[in-house]
Amino acid sequence: MPKIKLKIEGMHCSSCTMLIDGDLEDLAGVMSSRTNYVRGECEVEFDSGQVSSDKIIETITKTGYKVIG
């Protein structure tokens, strides 16, 4: 399974990480999401046949955070 690591701006606490991980894990094809607000990172393991990295980024953005780079 492919993995992507994303830099995210706007996270302040563990509630932010739970919100992002919850929304991503609700996507069909996302196997796992591990977000760390201290490092400002999110690592997502996903099935590229079911979900694209663009959809993952779009979901984070809709949650209210900014993906950098």
C-alpha atoms as a PDB file:
ATOM      1  CA  MET A   1       0.000   0.000   0.000  1.00  0.00           C
ATOM      2  CA  PRO A   2       1.308   3.452  -0.828  1.00  0.00           C
ATOM      3  CA  LYS A   3       1.919   5.993   1.915  1.00  0.00           C
ATOM      4  CA  ILE A   4       2.111   9.754   1.752  1.00  0.00           C
ATOM      5  CA  LYS A   5       3.462  12.141   4.352  1.00  0.00           C
ATOM      6  CA  LEU A   6       1.933  15.607   4.343  1.00  0.00           C
ATOM      7  CA  LYS A   7       2.875  18.823   6.141  1.00  0.00           C
ATOM      8  CA  ILE A   8      -0.195  20.490   7.659  1.00  0.00           C
ATOM      9  CA  GLU A   9      -0.655  24.012   9.025  1.00  0.00           C
ATOM     10  CA  GLY A  10      -3.216  25.085  11.599  1.00  0.00           C
ATOM     11  CA  MET A  11      -3.226  22.216  14.087  1.00  0.00           C
ATOM     12  CA  HIS A  12      -3.098  23.222  17.765  1.00  0.00           C
ATOM     13  CA  CYS A  13      -3.869  20.131  19.846  1.00  0.00           C
ATOM     14  CA  SER A  14      -4.732  16.450  19.902  1.00  0.00           C
ATOM     15  CA  SER A  15      -8.359  17.251  19.010  1.00  0.00           C
ATOM     16  CA  CYS A  16      -7.098  18.561  15.666  1.00  0.00           C
ATOM     17  CA  THR A  17      -5.330  15.268  15.000  1.00  0.00           C
ATOM     18  CA  MET A  18      -8.395  13.223  15.940  1.00  0.00           C
ATOM     19  CA  LEU A  19     -10.562  15.298  13.587  1.00  0.00           C
ATOM     20  CA  ILE A  20      -8.180  14.874  10.643  1.00  0.00           C
ATOM     21  CA  ASP A  21      -7.582  11.165  11.277  1.00  0.00           C
ATOM     22  CA  GLY A  22     -11.307  10.515  11.692  1.00  0.00           C
ATOM     23  CA  ASP A  23     -12.240  12.265   8.448  1.00  0.00           C
ATOM     24  CA  LEU A  24      -9.482  10.524   6.505  1.00  0.00           C
ATOM     25  CA  GLU A  25     -10.266   7.076   7.892  1.00  0.00           C
ATOM     26  CA  ASP A  26     -13.884   7.558   6.785  1.00  0.00           C
ATOM     27  CA  LEU A  27     -12.674   7.677   3.156  1.00  0.00           C
ATOM     28  CA  ALA A  28     -12.972   4.402   1.261  1.00  0.00           C
ATOM     29  CA  GLY A  29      -9.471   3.192   0.541  1.00  0.00           C
ATOM     30  CA  VAL A  30      -7.693   4.835   3.475  1.00  0.00           C
ATOM     31  CA  MET A  31      -6.134   2.090   5.575  1.00  0.00           C
ATOM     32  CA  SER A  32      -4.647   4.316   8.291  1.00  0.00           C
ATOM     33  CA  SER A  33      -3.954   7.927   9.155  1.00  0.00           C
ATOM     34  CA  ARG A  34      -1.452   9.063  11.771  1.00  0.00           C
ATOM     35  CA  THR A  35      -1.382  12.794  12.449  1.00  0.00           C
ATOM     36  CA  ASN A  36       1.036  14.574  14.781  1.00  0.00           C
ATOM     37  CA  TYR A  37       0.193  18.194  15.583  1.00  0.00           C
ATOM     38  CA  VAL A  38       3.566  18.871  17.249  1.00  0.00           C
ATOM     39  CA  ARG A  39       5.443  18.018  14.041  1.00  0.00           C
ATOM     40  CA  GLY A  40       2.658  19.311  11.798  1.00  0.00           C
ATOM     41  CA  GLU A  41       2.592  16.061   9.834  1.00  0.00           C
ATOM     42  CA  CYS A  42       0.154  13.437   8.691  1.00  0.00           C
ATOM     43  CA  GLU A  43       1.087  10.039   7.286  1.00  0.00           C
ATOM     44  CA  VAL A  44      -1.620   8.219   5.354  1.00  0.00           C
ATOM     45  CA  GLU A  45      -1.573   4.645   4.090  1.00  0.00           C
ATOM     46  CA  PHE A  46      -4.089   4.135   1.301  1.00  0.00           C
ATOM     47  CA  ASP A  47      -5.222   2.005  -1.623  1.00  0.00           C
ATOM     48  CA  SER A  48      -4.537   4.093  -4.731  1.00  0.00           C
ATOM     49  CA  GLY A  49      -7.159   2.074  -6.614  1.00  0.00           C
ATOM     50  CA  GLN A  50      -9.874   3.445  -4.322  1.00  0.00           C
ATOM     51  CA  VAL A  51      -8.720   6.918  -3.318  1.00  0.00           C
ATOM     52  CA  SER A  52      -6.252   9.452  -4.726  1.00  0.00           C
ATOM     53  CA  SER A  53      -3.740  11.584  -2.883  1.00  0.00           C
ATOM     54  CA  ASP A  54      -5.639  14.611  -4.252  1.00  0.00           C
ATOM     55  CA  LYS A  55      -8.815  13.384  -2.500  1.00  0.00           C
ATOM     56  CA  ILE A  56      -6.861  12.949   0.752  1.00  0.00           C
ATOM     57  CA  ILE A  57      -5.536  16.517   0.502  1.00  0.00           C
ATOM     58  CA  GLU A  58      -9.015  17.816  -0.366  1.00  0.00           C
ATOM     59  CA  THR A  59     -10.455  16.095   2.725  1.00  0.00           C
ATOM     60  CA  ILE A  60      -7.843  17.680   5.017  1.00  0.00           C
ATOM     61  CA  THR A  61      -8.544  21.093   3.468  1.00  0.00           C
ATOM     62  CA  LYS A  62     -12.308  20.686   3.916  1.00  0.00           C
ATOM     63  CA  THR A  63     -11.652  19.822   7.561  1.00  0.00           C
ATOM     64  CA  GLY A  64     -10.186  23.320   7.937  1.00  0.00           C
ATOM     65  CA  TYR A  65      -6.428  22.818   7.706  1.00  0.00           C
ATOM     66  CA  LYS A  66      -3.852  23.773   5.092  1.00  0.00           C
ATOM     67  CA  VAL A  67      -1.654  21.198   3.392  1.00  0.00           C
ATOM     68  CA  ILE A  68       1.765  22.682   2.612  1.00  0.00           C
ATOM     69  CA  GLY A  69       3.852  21.693  -0.425  1.00  0.00           C
END
